[in-house]
Amino acid sequence: MGIGLIVIGTELLTRKRRDSHFAHTVEALANRGLALSWCRYIGDYPQAIVRELRFVMEGDDIALCCGGIGATPDDHTRASAAKAADVALVRHAQAAAIIEERFADSAYPQRIHMAALPAGCTLIPNPVNQIAGFSLGKLHFVPGFPQMAWPMMEWVLDNHYPHLRDQEPPAEILLTLPGVSEGQLIDIMQDFVARFPEVEFSCLPHMQGDYRETELGVRGQAGRVDDAAAWLTEALDRGGWGWQKRAASPGA
């Protein structure tokens, strides 16, 4: 089970606003011994939102979704979530009561639209203005405003997934090969991934003028990472490639 982030809003794609959700989510997960598996940005386009949500719903991953749950005409996330899950968009009684208490008569006729949520969803409390987000299975929807979204996402992690914090954090070993380009290591890398499919492997090349340097990363359960890294360093030694261990950081 991975954890993903979906950020919805055309204003991010057109550079009217800068995204800050990604950096905060990575930090919030790291504080809980977790890591972000993927991140996707989507404009305020219903078909694209529905397609992305359906894709995630068909898999095993958890998704934190920011943006598009307000009451303006360009807020499509609530309706798109209902369509993706093949459920009706209905007035959620508890969400409506929160909006009515918060805004009194001015809850109507517009703000009450924020209580139209996918049938069967549960609410995510909003500590800033009380207008709730919602959870639909393993997808969790919060506003786009960081001051609201961030504590709400952390509430989801702490209340829906406290058991994930008890898992052994991943270990990571990084090997730096000065003066070596990634193309020179293809055979070793291919052999490695075939031998050790249970660990994550990464290759990060660096270039500066004519200088080349490659960083190889091995990440996963500590014991398996140690075994895989031992094989990799031996293979590099046999090939005559000089390497330096840059980091061995559990929970990185």
C-alpha atoms as a PDB file:
ATOM      1  CA  MET A   1       0.000   0.000   0.000  1.00  0.00           C
ATOM      2  CA  GLY A   2       1.502   3.310  -1.114  1.00  0.00           C
ATOM      3  CA  ILE A   3       0.494   6.846  -0.216  1.00  0.00           C
ATOM      4  CA  GLY A   4      -0.150   9.333  -3.002  1.00  0.00           C
ATOM      5  CA  LEU A   5      -0.940  13.022  -3.292  1.00  0.00           C
ATOM      6  CA  ILE A   6      -3.360  14.529  -5.816  1.00  0.00           C
ATOM      7  CA  VAL A   7      -3.361  18.320  -6.108  1.00  0.00           C
ATOM      8  CA  ILE A   8      -6.270  19.757  -8.085  1.00  0.00           C
ATOM      9  CA  GLY A   9      -6.374  23.288  -9.460  1.00  0.00           C
ATOM     10  CA  THR A  10      -5.779  24.897 -12.844  1.00  0.00           C
ATOM     11  CA  GLU A  11      -4.216  27.889 -11.060  1.00  0.00           C
ATOM     12  CA  LEU A  12      -1.189  25.726 -10.252  1.00  0.00           C
ATOM     13  CA  LEU A  13      -0.733  24.650 -13.856  1.00  0.00           C
ATOM     14  CA  THR A  14      -0.998  28.225 -15.128  1.00  0.00           C
ATOM     15  CA  ARG A  15       1.430  29.486 -12.448  1.00  0.00           C
ATOM     16  CA  LYS A  16      -1.108  31.798 -10.825  1.00  0.00           C
ATOM     17  CA  ARG A  17      -0.233  30.014  -7.579  1.00  0.00           C
ATOM     18  CA  ARG A  18       2.697  27.911  -6.416  1.00  0.00           C
ATOM     19  CA  ASP A  19       2.105  24.510  -4.894  1.00  0.00           C
ATOM     20  CA  SER A  20       3.245  23.972  -1.311  1.00  0.00           C
ATOM     21  CA  HIS A  21       1.284  20.773  -0.624  1.00  0.00           C
ATOM     22  CA  PHE A  22       3.979  18.483  -2.003  1.00  0.00           C
ATOM     23  CA  ALA A  23       6.750  19.622   0.343  1.00  0.00           C
ATOM     24  CA  HIS A  24       4.477  19.616   3.383  1.00  0.00           C
ATOM     25  CA  THR A  25       3.078  16.165   2.635  1.00  0.00           C
ATOM     26  CA  VAL A  26       6.560  14.696   2.284  1.00  0.00           C
ATOM     27  CA  GLU A  27       7.505  16.204   5.645  1.00  0.00           C
ATOM     28  CA  ALA A  28       4.281  15.147   7.391  1.00  0.00           C
ATOM     29  CA  LEU A  29       4.717  11.582   6.197  1.00  0.00           C
ATOM     30  CA  ALA A  30       8.397  11.495   7.158  1.00  0.00           C
ATOM     31  CA  ASN A  31       7.476  12.635  10.674  1.00  0.00           C
ATOM     32  CA  ARG A  32       5.370   9.473  10.901  1.00  0.00           C
ATOM     33  CA  GLY A  33       7.977   7.154   9.423  1.00  0.00           C
ATOM     34  CA  LEU A  34       6.166   7.105   6.072  1.00  0.00           C
ATOM     35  CA  ALA A  35       7.019   8.162   2.533  1.00  0.00           C
ATOM     36  CA  LEU A  36       5.144   9.598  -0.431  1.00  0.00           C
ATOM     37  CA  SER A  37       4.837   7.103  -3.290  1.00  0.00           C
ATOM     38  CA  TRP A  38       3.609   9.447  -6.011  1.00  0.00           C
ATOM     39  CA  CYS A  39       2.153  12.899  -6.704  1.00  0.00           C
ATOM     40  CA  ARG A  40      -0.112  14.106  -9.514  1.00  0.00           C
ATOM     41  CA  TYR A  41      -1.340  17.575 -10.512  1.00  0.00           C
ATOM     42  CA  ILE A  42      -4.669  17.966 -12.309  1.00  0.00           C
ATOM     43  CA  GLY A  43      -6.474  21.026 -13.603  1.00  0.00           C
ATOM     44  CA  ASP A  44     -10.115  21.767 -12.833  1.00  0.00           C
ATOM     45  CA  TYR A  45     -11.328  19.470 -15.609  1.00  0.00           C
ATOM     46  CA  PRO A  46     -14.053  17.013 -14.519  1.00  0.00           C
ATOM     47  CA  GLN A  47     -13.175  14.274 -17.014  1.00  0.00           C
ATOM     48  CA  ALA A  48      -9.512  14.335 -16.012  1.00  0.00           C
ATOM     49  CA  ILE A  49     -10.373  14.304 -12.308  1.00  0.00           C
ATOM     50  CA  VAL A  50     -12.796  11.398 -12.702  1.00  0.00           C
ATOM     51  CA  ARG A  51     -10.287   9.416 -14.747  1.00  0.00           C
ATOM     52  CA  GLU A  52      -7.536   9.924 -12.176  1.00  0.00           C
ATOM     53  CA  LEU A  53      -9.742   9.100  -9.189  1.00  0.00           C
ATOM     54  CA  ARG A  54     -11.029   5.922 -10.832  1.00  0.00           C
ATOM     55  CA  PHE A  55      -7.475   4.830 -11.522  1.00  0.00           C
ATOM     56  CA  VAL A  56      -6.537   5.261  -7.862  1.00  0.00           C
ATOM     57  CA  MET A  57      -9.752   3.612  -6.620  1.00  0.00           C
ATOM     58  CA  GLU A  58      -8.921   0.500  -8.627  1.00  0.00           C
ATOM     59  CA  GLY A  59      -5.570   0.120  -6.881  1.00  0.00           C
ATOM     60  CA  ASP A  60      -4.434  -0.365  -3.308  1.00  0.00           C
ATOM     61  CA  ASP A  61      -2.925   3.021  -2.564  1.00  0.00           C
ATOM     62  CA  ILE A  62      -4.137   5.689  -0.162  1.00  0.00           C
ATOM     63  CA  ALA A  63      -4.584   9.123  -1.756  1.00  0.00           C
ATOM     64  CA  LEU A  64      -4.667  12.558  -0.148  1.00  0.00           C
ATOM     65  CA  CYS A  65      -6.500  14.948  -2.480  1.00  0.00           C
ATOM     66  CA  CYS A  66      -6.257  18.737  -2.157  1.00  0.00           C
ATOM     67  CA  GLY A  67      -8.479  21.291  -3.849  1.00  0.00           C
ATOM     68  CA  GLY A  68     -11.763  21.746  -5.669  1.00  0.00           C
ATOM     69  CA  ILE A  69     -14.252  20.958  -2.876  1.00  0.00           C
ATOM     70  CA  GLY A  70     -15.639  24.494  -2.514  1.00  0.00           C
ATOM     71  CA  ALA A  71     -18.906  25.962  -3.797  1.00  0.00           C
ATOM     72  CA  THR A  72     -17.770  27.916  -6.862  1.00  0.00           C
ATOM     73  CA  PRO A  73     -18.496  26.728 -10.418  1.00  0.00           C
ATOM     74  CA  ASP A  74     -14.898  25.660 -10.990  1.00  0.00           C
ATOM     75  CA  ASP A  75     -14.941  23.315  -7.977  1.00  0.00           C
ATOM     76  CA  HIS A  76     -15.542  19.893  -9.542  1.00  0.00           C
ATOM     77  CA  THR A  77     -13.907  17.521  -7.075  1.00  0.00           C
ATOM     78  CA  ARG A  78     -16.978  16.546  -5.033  1.00  0.00           C
ATOM     79  CA  ALA A  79     -19.070  15.648  -8.080  1.00  0.00           C
ATOM     80  CA  SER A  80     -16.113  13.991  -9.794  1.00  0.00           C
ATOM     81  CA  ALA A  81     -15.444  11.803  -6.751  1.00  0.00           C
ATOM     82  CA  ALA A  82     -19.063  10.653  -6.731  1.00  0.00           C
ATOM     83  CA  LYS A  83     -18.951   9.879 -10.447  1.00  0.00           C
ATOM     84  CA  ALA A  84     -15.642   8.021 -10.127  1.00  0.00           C
ATOM     85  CA  ALA A  85     -17.093   5.851  -7.351  1.00  0.00           C
ATOM     86  CA  ASP A  86     -20.418   5.365  -9.185  1.00  0.00           C
ATOM     87  CA  VAL A  87     -22.417   6.754  -6.270  1.00  0.00           C
ATOM     88  CA  ALA A  88     -24.891   9.600  -6.029  1.00  0.00           C
ATOM     89  CA  LEU A  89     -23.967  13.131  -4.992  1.00  0.00           C
ATOM     90  CA  VAL A  90     -26.258  13.764  -2.010  1.00  0.00           C
ATOM     91  CA  ARG A  91     -26.663  16.324   0.745  1.00  0.00           C
ATOM     92  CA  HIS A  92     -24.705  15.046   3.723  1.00  0.00           C
ATOM     93  CA  ALA A  93     -26.805  15.825   6.801  1.00  0.00           C
ATOM     94  CA  GLN A  94     -23.883  16.385   9.176  1.00  0.00           C
ATOM     95  CA  ALA A  95     -21.986  18.508   6.662  1.00  0.00           C
ATOM     96  CA  ALA A  96     -25.111  20.590   6.040  1.00  0.00           C
ATOM     97  CA  ALA A  97     -25.613  21.110   9.779  1.00  0.00           C
ATOM     98  CA  ILE A  98     -22.018  22.356  10.122  1.00  0.00           C
ATOM     99  CA  ILE A  99     -22.496  24.842   7.277  1.00  0.00           C
ATOM    100  CA  GLU A 100     -25.835  26.060   8.662  1.00  0.00           C
ATOM    101  CA  GLU A 101     -24.346  26.563  12.108  1.00  0.00           C
ATOM    102  CA  ARG A 102     -21.308  28.342  10.692  1.00  0.00           C
ATOM    103  CA  PHE A 103     -23.098  30.691   8.286  1.00  0.00           C
ATOM    104  CA  ALA A 104     -26.714  30.813   9.532  1.00  0.00           C
ATOM    105  CA  ASP A 105     -29.007  32.333   6.866  1.00  0.00           C
ATOM    106  CA  SER A 106     -26.082  33.055   4.537  1.00  0.00           C
ATOM    107  CA  ALA A 107     -25.546  29.306   4.170  1.00  0.00           C
ATOM    108  CA  TYR A 108     -28.191  29.505   1.441  1.00  0.00           C
ATOM    109  CA  PRO A 109     -28.351  29.410  -1.501  1.00  0.00           C
ATOM    110  CA  GLN A 110     -24.647  28.908  -2.333  1.00  0.00           C
ATOM    111  CA  ARG A 111     -22.508  27.703   0.584  1.00  0.00           C
ATOM    112  CA  ILE A 112     -24.813  24.759   1.249  1.00  0.00           C
ATOM    113  CA  HIS A 113     -23.550  23.242  -2.015  1.00  0.00           C
ATOM    114  CA  MET A 114     -20.425  22.211  -0.084  1.00  0.00           C
ATOM    115  CA  ALA A 115     -22.608  19.684   1.759  1.00  0.00           C
ATOM    116  CA  ALA A 116     -23.318  17.861  -1.526  1.00  0.00           C
ATOM    117  CA  LEU A 117     -20.975  14.912  -1.113  1.00  0.00           C
ATOM    118  CA  PRO A 118     -20.629  11.365  -2.474  1.00  0.00           C
ATOM    119  CA  ALA A 119     -23.076   8.980  -0.824  1.00  0.00           C
ATOM    120  CA  GLY A 120     -21.470   6.911   1.918  1.00  0.00           C
ATOM    121  CA  CYS A 121     -18.545   9.239   2.574  1.00  0.00           C
ATOM    122  CA  THR A 122     -17.373  10.263   6.049  1.00  0.00           C
ATOM    123  CA  LEU A 123     -16.260  13.711   7.149  1.00  0.00           C
ATOM    124  CA  ILE A 124     -12.804  15.120   7.844  1.00  0.00           C
ATOM    125  CA  PRO A 125     -12.931  17.879  10.478  1.00  0.00           C
ATOM    126  CA  ASN A 126     -11.679  21.325   9.490  1.00  0.00           C
ATOM    127  CA  PRO A 127     -10.087  23.152  12.448  1.00  0.00           C
ATOM    128  CA  VAL A 128      -9.991  26.515  10.644  1.00  0.00           C
ATOM    129  CA  ASN A 129     -13.533  27.268   9.454  1.00  0.00           C
ATOM    130  CA  GLN A 130     -15.244  23.963  10.356  1.00  0.00           C
ATOM    131  CA  ILE A 131     -16.318  23.226   6.742  1.00  0.00           C
ATOM    132  CA  ALA A 132     -15.501  19.537   6.535  1.00  0.00           C
ATOM    133  CA  GLY A 133     -13.594  17.586   3.956  1.00  0.00           C
ATOM    134  CA  PHE A 134     -14.553  13.998   3.259  1.00  0.00           C
ATOM    135  CA  SER A 135     -13.177  10.485   2.946  1.00  0.00           C
ATOM    136  CA  LEU A 136     -14.417   8.063   0.311  1.00  0.00           C
ATOM    137  CA  GLY A 137     -12.790   4.726   0.969  1.00  0.00           C
ATOM    138  CA  LYS A 138      -9.033   5.236   0.840  1.00  0.00           C
ATOM    139  CA  LEU A 139      -9.293   8.613  -0.898  1.00  0.00           C
ATOM    140  CA  HIS A 140      -9.369  11.659   1.366  1.00  0.00           C
ATOM    141  CA  PHE A 141     -10.439  15.082   0.109  1.00  0.00           C
ATOM    142  CA  VAL A 142      -9.470  18.382   1.729  1.00  0.00           C
ATOM    143  CA  PRO A 143      -9.558  22.035   0.609  1.00  0.00           C
ATOM    144  CA  GLY A 144      -6.824  23.629  -1.451  1.00  0.00           C
ATOM    145  CA  PHE A 145      -5.980  26.223   1.204  1.00  0.00           C
ATOM    146  CA  PRO A 146      -2.805  25.010   2.964  1.00  0.00           C
ATOM    147  CA  GLN A 147      -3.809  26.332   6.387  1.00  0.00           C
ATOM    148  CA  MET A 148      -6.863  24.065   6.222  1.00  0.00           C
ATOM    149  CA  ALA A 149      -5.536  21.180   4.146  1.00  0.00           C
ATOM    150  CA  TRP A 150      -2.432  20.407   6.166  1.00  0.00           C
ATOM    151  CA  PRO A 151      -3.966  19.797   9.601  1.00  0.00           C
ATOM    152  CA  MET A 152      -6.808  17.897   7.927  1.00  0.00           C
ATOM    153  CA  MET A 153      -4.404  15.591   6.077  1.00  0.00           C
ATOM    154  CA  GLU A 154      -2.476  14.974   9.279  1.00  0.00           C
ATOM    155  CA  TRP A 155      -5.767  14.196  11.058  1.00  0.00           C
ATOM    156  CA  VAL A 156      -6.476  11.578   8.357  1.00  0.00           C
ATOM    157  CA  LEU A 157      -3.065   9.966   8.816  1.00  0.00           C
ATOM    158  CA  ASP A 158      -3.352   9.888  12.604  1.00  0.00           C
ATOM    159  CA  ASN A 159      -6.956   8.737  12.801  1.00  0.00           C
ATOM    160  CA  HIS A 160      -7.369   6.470   9.762  1.00  0.00           C
ATOM    161  CA  TYR A 161      -3.884   4.995   9.520  1.00  0.00           C
ATOM    162  CA  PRO A 162      -2.192   4.984  12.940  1.00  0.00           C
ATOM    163  CA  HIS A 163      -1.146   1.365  12.327  1.00  0.00           C
ATOM    164  CA  LEU A 164       1.109   2.421   9.464  1.00  0.00           C
ATOM    165  CA  ARG A 165       3.350   4.273  11.906  1.00  0.00           C
ATOM    166  CA  ASP A 166       4.291   1.002  13.583  1.00  0.00           C
ATOM    167  CA  GLN A 167       5.848  -0.435  10.446  1.00  0.00           C
ATOM    168  CA  GLU A 168       9.600  -0.737  10.167  1.00  0.00           C
ATOM    169  CA  PRO A 169      10.849   2.372   8.329  1.00  0.00           C
ATOM    170  CA  PRO A 170      12.671   1.726   5.057  1.00  0.00           C
ATOM    171  CA  ALA A 171      16.457   1.790   4.935  1.00  0.00           C
ATOM    172  CA  GLU A 172      18.365   3.386   2.088  1.00  0.00           C
ATOM    173  CA  ILE A 173      21.955   3.043   0.925  1.00  0.00           C
ATOM    174  CA  LEU A 174      23.360   5.456  -1.650  1.00  0.00           C
ATOM    175  CA  LEU A 175      26.495   4.823  -3.682  1.00  0.00           C
ATOM    176  CA  THR A 176      28.230   7.635  -5.554  1.00  0.00           C
ATOM    177  CA  LEU A 177      30.449   6.789  -8.533  1.00  0.00           C
ATOM    178  CA  PRO A 178      32.613   9.811  -9.416  1.00  0.00           C
ATOM    179  CA  GLY A 179      33.526  10.184 -13.075  1.00  0.00           C
ATOM    180  CA  VAL A 180      31.124   7.439 -14.165  1.00  0.00           C
ATOM    181  CA  SER A 181      28.105   7.946 -16.440  1.00  0.00           C
ATOM    182  CA  GLU A 182      24.911   5.954 -16.085  1.00  0.00           C
ATOM    183  CA  GLY A 183      25.321   4.392 -19.528  1.00  0.00           C
ATOM    184  CA  GLN A 184      28.463   2.622 -18.386  1.00  0.00           C
ATOM    185  CA  LEU A 185      26.524   0.790 -15.664  1.00  0.00           C
ATOM    186  CA  ILE A 186      23.509  -0.474 -17.617  1.00  0.00           C
ATOM    187  CA  ASP A 187      24.505  -4.156 -17.530  1.00  0.00           C
ATOM    188  CA  ILE A 188      25.113  -4.108 -13.767  1.00  0.00           C
ATOM    189  CA  MET A 189      21.862  -2.266 -13.142  1.00  0.00           C
ATOM    190  CA  GLN A 190      19.823  -4.667 -15.254  1.00  0.00           C
ATOM    191  CA  ASP A 191      21.369  -7.650 -13.469  1.00  0.00           C
ATOM    192  CA  PHE A 192      20.670  -6.014 -10.107  1.00  0.00           C
ATOM    193  CA  VAL A 193      16.945  -5.371 -10.662  1.00  0.00           C
ATOM    194  CA  ALA A 194      16.484  -8.935 -11.941  1.00  0.00           C
ATOM    195  CA  ARG A 195      18.151 -10.355  -8.832  1.00  0.00           C
ATOM    196  CA  PHE A 196      16.504  -8.103  -6.242  1.00  0.00           C
ATOM    197  CA  PRO A 197      12.921  -7.259  -7.295  1.00  0.00           C
ATOM    198  CA  GLU A 198      11.881  -6.830  -3.649  1.00  0.00           C
ATOM    199  CA  VAL A 199      13.915  -3.631  -3.167  1.00  0.00           C
ATOM    200  CA  GLU A 200      13.619  -0.235  -4.834  1.00  0.00           C
ATOM    201  CA  PHE A 201      16.471   0.755  -7.104  1.00  0.00           C
ATOM    202  CA  SER A 202      17.275   4.251  -8.346  1.00  0.00           C
ATOM    203  CA  CYS A 203      19.855   5.775 -10.656  1.00  0.00           C
ATOM    204  CA  LEU A 204      20.490   9.515 -10.484  1.00  0.00           C
ATOM    205  CA  PRO A 205      23.064  10.894 -12.938  1.00  0.00           C
ATOM    206  CA  HIS A 206      24.786  14.249 -12.415  1.00  0.00           C
ATOM    207  CA  MET A 207      26.407  16.336 -15.160  1.00  0.00           C
ATOM    208  CA  GLN A 208      28.511  19.466 -15.018  1.00  0.00           C
ATOM    209  CA  GLY A 209      30.258  20.338 -18.237  1.00  0.00           C
ATOM    210  CA  ASP A 210      32.179  17.232 -19.294  1.00  0.00           C
ATOM    211  CA  TYR A 211      32.149  15.784 -15.798  1.00  0.00           C
ATOM    212  CA  ARG A 212      29.831  12.851 -15.079  1.00  0.00           C
ATOM    213  CA  GLU A 213      28.826  11.281 -11.797  1.00  0.00           C
ATOM    214  CA  THR A 214      26.205   8.657 -10.982  1.00  0.00           C
ATOM    215  CA  GLU A 215      24.381   7.937  -7.746  1.00  0.00           C
ATOM    216  CA  LEU A 216      22.859   4.482  -7.248  1.00  0.00           C
ATOM    217  CA  GLY A 217      20.253   3.970  -4.530  1.00  0.00           C
ATOM    218  CA  VAL A 218      18.900   0.837  -2.861  1.00  0.00           C
ATOM    219  CA  ARG A 219      15.825   1.220  -0.637  1.00  0.00           C
ATOM    220  CA  GLY A 220      13.554  -1.169   1.264  1.00  0.00           C
ATOM    221  CA  GLN A 221      13.572  -3.441   4.304  1.00  0.00           C
ATOM    222  CA  ALA A 222      16.861  -3.159   6.149  1.00  0.00           C
ATOM    223  CA  GLY A 223      18.033  -6.769   5.807  1.00  0.00           C
ATOM    224  CA  ARG A 224      17.171  -6.989   2.128  1.00  0.00           C
ATOM    225  CA  VAL A 225      18.790  -3.625   1.434  1.00  0.00           C
ATOM    226  CA  ASP A 226      22.022  -4.798   3.066  1.00  0.00           C
ATOM    227  CA  ASP A 227      22.100  -7.984   0.971  1.00  0.00           C
ATOM    228  CA  ALA A 228      21.295  -6.135  -2.247  1.00  0.00           C
ATOM    229  CA  ALA A 229      23.854  -3.405  -1.589  1.00  0.00           C
ATOM    230  CA  ALA A 230      26.527  -6.014  -0.813  1.00  0.00           C
ATOM    231  CA  TRP A 231      25.928  -7.676  -4.195  1.00  0.00           C
ATOM    232  CA  LEU A 232      25.941  -4.291  -5.947  1.00  0.00           C
ATOM    233  CA  THR A 233      29.236  -3.156  -4.441  1.00  0.00           C
ATOM    234  CA  GLU A 234      30.855  -6.473  -5.309  1.00  0.00           C
ATOM    235  CA  ALA A 235      29.623  -6.172  -8.886  1.00  0.00           C
ATOM    236  CA  LEU A 236      30.985  -2.632  -9.104  1.00  0.00           C
ATOM    237  CA  ASP A 237      34.335  -3.791  -7.728  1.00  0.00           C
ATOM    238  CA  ARG A 238      34.512  -6.596 -10.298  1.00  0.00           C
ATOM    239  CA  GLY A 239      33.832  -4.062 -13.038  1.00  0.00           C
ATOM    240  CA  GLY A 240      36.569  -1.766 -11.786  1.00  0.00           C
ATOM    241  CA  TRP A 241      34.189   1.058 -10.927  1.00  0.00           C
ATOM    242  CA  GLY A 242      35.197   3.171  -7.952  1.00  0.00           C
ATOM    243  CA  TRP A 243      32.368   4.005  -5.556  1.00  0.00           C
ATOM    244  CA  GLN A 244      31.707   5.827  -2.297  1.00  0.00           C
ATOM    245  CA  LYS A 245      28.936   5.107   0.194  1.00  0.00           C
ATOM    246  CA  ARG A 246      27.190   8.445   0.592  1.00  0.00           C
ATOM    247  CA  ALA A 247      24.503   7.508   3.094  1.00  0.00           C
ATOM    248  CA  ALA A 248      22.923   4.638   4.965  1.00  0.00           C
ATOM    249  CA  SER A 249      19.903   6.243   6.531  1.00  0.00           C
ATOM    250  CA  PRO A 250      16.992   4.226   8.002  1.00  0.00           C
ATOM    251  CA  GLY A 251      13.712   6.038   7.477  1.00  0.00           C
ATOM    252  CA  ALA A 252      15.070   8.305   4.745  1.00  0.00           C
END
